[in-house]
Amino acid sequence: MSIGRASYRPPKHLQDWVRARDKTCRHPGCNRIAKATEIDHTVPWQKGGRTDHDNLSCLCAKHHMFKTHEHWDYTQPEPGTIIAISPAGKTYTTRPPPF
């Protein structure tokens, strides 16, 4: 479930795994289905982030833009657990639903 720094774009099997795990956009309160989201590096590729299942999550285009433009910050302390930090500094923890 890891290709490290070998490639920015996750291969299909890794995209499929992340979508199956996350089920929806991982931004707090968003319920856009994973199939309609983008696979995002929690630690950005440009900042040394790896293309690994524990550094990837599903974000819809809107929430991906919020992250890219640094309105929201995200961490992933363990695979699938996302901590989202709002512009006001409030934190929200989301976990994927169980299989």
N, C-alpha and C. Protein backbone atom coordinates (compact mmCIF):
# COMPACT_ATOMS: atom_id res chain seq x y z
N MET A 1 0.81 -1.18 0.00
CA MET A 1 0.00 0.00 0.00
C MET A 1 0.86 1.25 0.00
N SER A 2 2.04 1.13 -0.56
CA SER A 2 2.96 2.25 -0.57
C SER A 2 3.81 2.23 -1.83
N ILE A 3 3.93 3.38 -2.45
CA ILE A 3 4.90 3.51 -3.53
C ILE A 3 5.90 4.62 -3.22
N GLY A 4 5.78 5.18 -2.01
CA GLY A 4 6.73 6.17 -1.54
C GLY A 4 6.81 7.39 -2.44
N ARG A 5 8.03 7.73 -2.81
CA ARG A 5 8.26 8.90 -3.65
C ARG A 5 8.48 8.51 -5.11
N ALA A 6 8.19 7.24 -5.45
CA ALA A 6 8.41 6.77 -6.82
C ALA A 6 7.47 7.44 -7.81
N SER A 7 6.28 7.86 -7.36
CA SER A 7 5.31 8.47 -8.26
C SER A 7 4.35 9.36 -7.47
N TYR A 8 4.00 10.49 -8.04
CA TYR A 8 3.02 11.38 -7.43
C TYR A 8 1.63 10.76 -7.49
N ARG A 9 1.28 10.24 -8.66
CA ARG A 9 -0.06 9.70 -8.88
C ARG A 9 -0.15 8.28 -8.33
N PRO A 10 -1.11 8.06 -7.43
CA PRO A 10 -1.28 6.70 -6.91
C PRO A 10 -1.78 5.76 -8.00
N PRO A 11 -1.25 4.54 -8.07
CA PRO A 11 -1.77 3.57 -9.04
C PRO A 11 -3.22 3.22 -8.70
N LYS A 12 -3.92 2.66 -9.66
CA LYS A 12 -5.35 2.38 -9.51
C LYS A 12 -5.66 1.55 -8.28
N HIS A 13 -4.86 0.52 -7.99
CA HIS A 13 -5.17 -0.31 -6.82
C HIS A 13 -5.10 0.49 -5.51
N LEU A 14 -4.20 1.45 -5.44
CA LEU A 14 -4.09 2.28 -4.24
C LEU A 14 -5.25 3.29 -4.17
N GLN A 15 -5.61 3.87 -5.32
CA GLN A 15 -6.79 4.75 -5.36
C GLN A 15 -8.04 3.99 -4.92
N ASP A 16 -8.20 2.78 -5.45
CA ASP A 16 -9.37 1.96 -5.10
C ASP A 16 -9.41 1.66 -3.59
N TRP A 17 -8.25 1.34 -3.02
CA TRP A 17 -8.18 1.05 -1.58
C TRP A 17 -8.58 2.27 -0.76
N VAL A 18 -8.04 3.44 -1.08
CA VAL A 18 -8.33 4.66 -0.32
C VAL A 18 -9.82 5.00 -0.42
N ARG A 19 -10.38 4.88 -1.61
CA ARG A 19 -11.82 5.15 -1.78
C ARG A 19 -12.68 4.14 -1.01
N ALA A 20 -12.28 2.88 -1.03
CA ALA A 20 -13.03 1.85 -0.28
C ALA A 20 -12.94 2.12 1.23
N ARG A 21 -11.78 2.53 1.70
CA ARG A 21 -11.59 2.83 3.12
C ARG A 21 -12.37 4.07 3.55
N ASP A 22 -12.25 5.15 2.77
CA ASP A 22 -12.81 6.44 3.19
C ASP A 22 -14.32 6.55 2.94
N LYS A 23 -14.81 5.99 1.90
CA LYS A 23 -16.23 5.98 1.52
C LYS A 23 -16.79 7.34 1.11
N THR A 24 -16.34 8.45 1.74
CA THR A 24 -16.80 9.80 1.40
C THR A 24 -15.63 10.77 1.49
N CYS A 25 -15.88 12.02 1.08
CA CYS A 25 -14.92 13.10 1.32
C CYS A 25 -14.64 13.14 2.81
N ARG A 26 -13.39 13.32 3.18
CA ARG A 26 -13.02 13.25 4.60
C ARG A 26 -13.10 14.59 5.32
N HIS A 27 -13.51 15.64 4.62
CA HIS A 27 -13.70 16.92 5.31
C HIS A 27 -14.89 16.79 6.26
N PRO A 28 -14.79 17.33 7.46
CA PRO A 28 -15.88 17.20 8.42
C PRO A 28 -17.22 17.66 7.85
N GLY A 29 -18.22 16.78 7.96
CA GLY A 29 -19.56 17.10 7.53
C GLY A 29 -19.85 16.91 6.06
N CYS A 30 -18.86 16.64 5.24
CA CYS A 30 -19.08 16.45 3.81
C CYS A 30 -19.43 14.98 3.57
N ASN A 31 -20.44 14.75 2.76
CA ASN A 31 -20.84 13.36 2.50
C ASN A 31 -20.76 13.00 1.01
N ARG A 32 -19.97 13.75 0.24
CA ARG A 32 -19.80 13.40 -1.18
C ARG A 32 -19.15 12.04 -1.25
N ILE A 33 -19.72 11.14 -2.04
CA ILE A 33 -19.20 9.77 -2.11
C ILE A 33 -17.76 9.75 -2.64
N ALA A 34 -17.00 8.79 -2.17
CA ALA A 34 -15.58 8.71 -2.50
C ALA A 34 -15.33 8.62 -4.00
N LYS A 35 -16.23 7.95 -4.71
CA LYS A 35 -16.07 7.81 -6.17
C LYS A 35 -16.01 9.17 -6.87
N ALA A 36 -16.63 10.20 -6.25
CA ALA A 36 -16.68 11.55 -6.84
C ALA A 36 -15.65 12.49 -6.21
N THR A 37 -14.63 11.94 -5.56
CA THR A 37 -13.61 12.77 -4.91
C THR A 37 -12.27 12.64 -5.60
N GLU A 38 -11.34 13.44 -5.13
CA GLU A 38 -9.95 13.38 -5.59
C GLU A 38 -9.13 12.71 -4.49
N ILE A 39 -8.14 11.96 -4.90
CA ILE A 39 -7.22 11.36 -3.94
C ILE A 39 -6.15 12.41 -3.65
N ASP A 40 -6.01 12.76 -2.38
CA ASP A 40 -5.12 13.85 -1.98
C ASP A 40 -4.04 13.35 -1.03
N HIS A 41 -2.85 13.92 -1.19
CA HIS A 41 -1.76 13.67 -0.24
C HIS A 41 -2.00 14.53 1.00
N THR A 42 -2.05 13.92 2.17
CA THR A 42 -2.24 14.68 3.41
C THR A 42 -1.05 15.61 3.61
N VAL A 43 0.16 15.06 3.59
CA VAL A 43 1.38 15.88 3.52
C VAL A 43 1.64 16.05 2.04
N PRO A 44 1.57 17.28 1.53
CA PRO A 44 1.70 17.49 0.09
C PRO A 44 2.97 16.88 -0.50
N TRP A 45 2.84 16.35 -1.71
CA TRP A 45 3.96 15.78 -2.45
C TRP A 45 5.10 16.79 -2.53
N GLN A 46 4.78 18.05 -2.78
CA GLN A 46 5.78 19.11 -2.94
C GLN A 46 6.54 19.38 -1.65
N LYS A 47 5.99 18.93 -0.54
CA LYS A 47 6.64 19.12 0.77
C LYS A 47 7.19 17.81 1.31
N GLY A 48 7.42 16.85 0.41
CA GLY A 48 8.03 15.58 0.80
C GLY A 48 7.05 14.47 1.12
N GLY A 49 5.75 14.71 0.91
CA GLY A 49 4.74 13.69 1.20
C GLY A 49 4.91 12.46 0.31
N ARG A 50 4.57 11.33 0.84
CA ARG A 50 4.71 10.06 0.13
C ARG A 50 3.36 9.61 -0.42
N THR A 51 3.43 8.81 -1.45
CA THR A 51 2.22 8.23 -2.05
C THR A 51 2.00 6.87 -1.38
N ASP A 52 1.48 6.95 -0.15
CA ASP A 52 1.24 5.79 0.70
C ASP A 52 -0.19 5.86 1.22
N HIS A 53 -0.79 4.73 1.53
CA HIS A 53 -2.17 4.72 2.01
C HIS A 53 -2.33 5.55 3.28
N ASP A 54 -1.27 5.68 4.08
CA ASP A 54 -1.39 6.46 5.31
C ASP A 54 -1.07 7.94 5.10
N ASN A 55 -0.91 8.35 3.84
CA ASN A 55 -0.75 9.77 3.51
C ASN A 55 -1.73 10.19 2.42
N LEU A 56 -2.71 9.36 2.14
CA LEU A 56 -3.70 9.68 1.12
C LEU A 56 -5.09 9.65 1.73
N SER A 57 -5.96 10.51 1.22
CA SER A 57 -7.36 10.50 1.64
C SER A 57 -8.21 11.08 0.52
N CYS A 58 -9.50 10.89 0.65
CA CYS A 58 -10.47 11.41 -0.33
C CYS A 58 -10.92 12.81 0.09
N LEU A 59 -10.80 13.75 -0.83
CA LEU A 59 -11.36 15.09 -0.63
C LEU A 59 -12.10 15.48 -1.89
N CYS A 60 -13.30 16.02 -1.74
CA CYS A 60 -14.02 16.52 -2.91
C CYS A 60 -13.25 17.75 -3.44
N ALA A 61 -13.57 18.16 -4.64
CA ALA A 61 -12.84 19.26 -5.28
C ALA A 61 -12.86 20.52 -4.43
N LYS A 62 -14.00 20.83 -3.83
CA LYS A 62 -14.12 22.05 -3.01
C LYS A 62 -13.19 21.99 -1.80
N HIS A 63 -13.20 20.87 -1.08
CA HIS A 63 -12.38 20.77 0.12
C HIS A 63 -10.90 20.57 -0.21
N HIS A 64 -10.62 19.96 -1.34
CA HIS A 64 -9.24 19.88 -1.80
C HIS A 64 -8.71 21.29 -2.07
N MET A 65 -9.53 22.14 -2.67
CA MET A 65 -9.12 23.53 -2.93
C MET A 65 -8.88 24.26 -1.61
N PHE A 66 -9.76 24.05 -0.61
CA PHE A 66 -9.55 24.69 0.69
C PHE A 66 -8.19 24.31 1.27
N LYS A 67 -7.82 23.05 1.13
CA LYS A 67 -6.53 22.58 1.65
C LYS A 67 -5.39 23.16 0.84
N THR A 68 -5.51 23.11 -0.48
CA THR A 68 -4.44 23.60 -1.35
C THR A 68 -4.13 25.07 -1.10
N HIS A 69 -5.18 25.85 -0.87
CA HIS A 69 -4.99 27.29 -0.65
C HIS A 69 -4.82 27.63 0.83
N GLU A 70 -4.54 26.59 1.63
CA GLU A 70 -4.18 26.71 3.03
C GLU A 70 -5.24 27.36 3.91
N HIS A 71 -6.53 27.17 3.53
CA HIS A 71 -7.60 27.63 4.41
C HIS A 71 -7.79 26.62 5.54
N TRP A 72 -7.65 25.35 5.23
CA TRP A 72 -7.76 24.27 6.21
C TRP A 72 -6.47 23.48 6.18
N ASP A 73 -6.13 22.89 7.31
CA ASP A 73 -4.95 22.02 7.39
C ASP A 73 -5.43 20.63 7.81
N TYR A 74 -4.75 19.62 7.31
CA TYR A 74 -5.13 18.24 7.61
C TYR A 74 -3.90 17.46 8.05
N THR A 75 -4.09 16.58 9.03
CA THR A 75 -3.05 15.63 9.40
C THR A 75 -3.70 14.25 9.41
N GLN A 76 -2.86 13.22 9.34
CA GLN A 76 -3.34 11.84 9.35
C GLN A 76 -2.44 11.05 10.30
N PRO A 77 -2.75 11.11 11.62
CA PRO A 77 -1.86 10.47 12.59
C PRO A 77 -1.79 8.96 12.49
N GLU A 78 -2.84 8.34 11.94
CA GLU A 78 -2.82 6.90 11.66
C GLU A 78 -3.64 6.70 10.39
N PRO A 79 -3.40 5.63 9.66
CA PRO A 79 -4.10 5.45 8.39
C PRO A 79 -5.61 5.58 8.51
N GLY A 80 -6.16 6.54 7.75
CA GLY A 80 -7.60 6.74 7.71
C GLY A 80 -8.16 7.72 8.72
N THR A 81 -7.42 8.04 9.77
CA THR A 81 -7.88 9.03 10.75
C THR A 81 -7.40 10.41 10.29
N ILE A 82 -8.36 11.29 10.06
CA ILE A 82 -8.04 12.63 9.56
C ILE A 82 -8.37 13.65 10.64
N ILE A 83 -7.42 14.51 10.93
CA ILE A 83 -7.66 15.65 11.80
C ILE A 83 -7.65 16.88 10.90
N ALA A 84 -8.79 17.56 10.85
CA ALA A 84 -8.94 18.78 10.05
C ALA A 84 -8.90 19.97 10.99
N ILE A 85 -8.12 20.98 10.63
CA ILE A 85 -7.97 22.17 11.45
C ILE A 85 -8.50 23.36 10.66
N SER A 86 -9.53 24.00 11.20
CA SER A 86 -10.19 25.11 10.51
C SER A 86 -9.32 26.36 10.53
N PRO A 87 -9.67 27.36 9.70
CA PRO A 87 -8.93 28.62 9.73
C PRO A 87 -8.95 29.29 11.12
N ALA A 88 -9.99 29.01 11.92
CA ALA A 88 -10.09 29.57 13.27
C ALA A 88 -9.32 28.74 14.30
N GLY A 89 -8.73 27.61 13.86
CA GLY A 89 -7.95 26.77 14.76
C GLY A 89 -8.73 25.66 15.44
N LYS A 90 -10.00 25.51 15.11
CA LYS A 90 -10.80 24.42 15.69
C LYS A 90 -10.44 23.10 15.01
N THR A 91 -10.35 22.02 15.77
CA THR A 91 -9.99 20.73 15.20
C THR A 91 -11.19 19.80 15.16
N TYR A 92 -11.22 18.99 14.10
CA TYR A 92 -12.27 18.00 13.89
C TYR A 92 -11.57 16.70 13.51
N THR A 93 -11.93 15.63 14.18
CA THR A 93 -11.35 14.32 13.87
C THR A 93 -12.41 13.47 13.19
N THR A 94 -12.05 12.90 12.03
CA THR A 94 -12.94 11.97 11.35
C THR A 94 -12.23 10.64 11.17
N ARG A 95 -13.02 9.60 11.24
CA ARG A 95 -12.50 8.25 11.01
C ARG A 95 -13.38 7.60 9.94
N PRO A 96 -12.79 6.75 9.12
CA PRO A 96 -13.63 6.08 8.13
C PRO A 96 -14.57 5.10 8.81
N PRO A 97 -15.73 4.87 8.18
CA PRO A 97 -16.63 3.89 8.77
C PRO A 97 -16.00 2.50 8.74
N PRO A 98 -16.40 1.64 9.64
CA PRO A 98 -15.86 0.28 9.63
C PRO A 98 -16.29 -0.48 8.39
N PHE A 99 -15.49 -1.47 8.02
CA PHE A 99 -15.81 -2.30 6.85
C PHE A 99 -16.94 -3.23 7.18
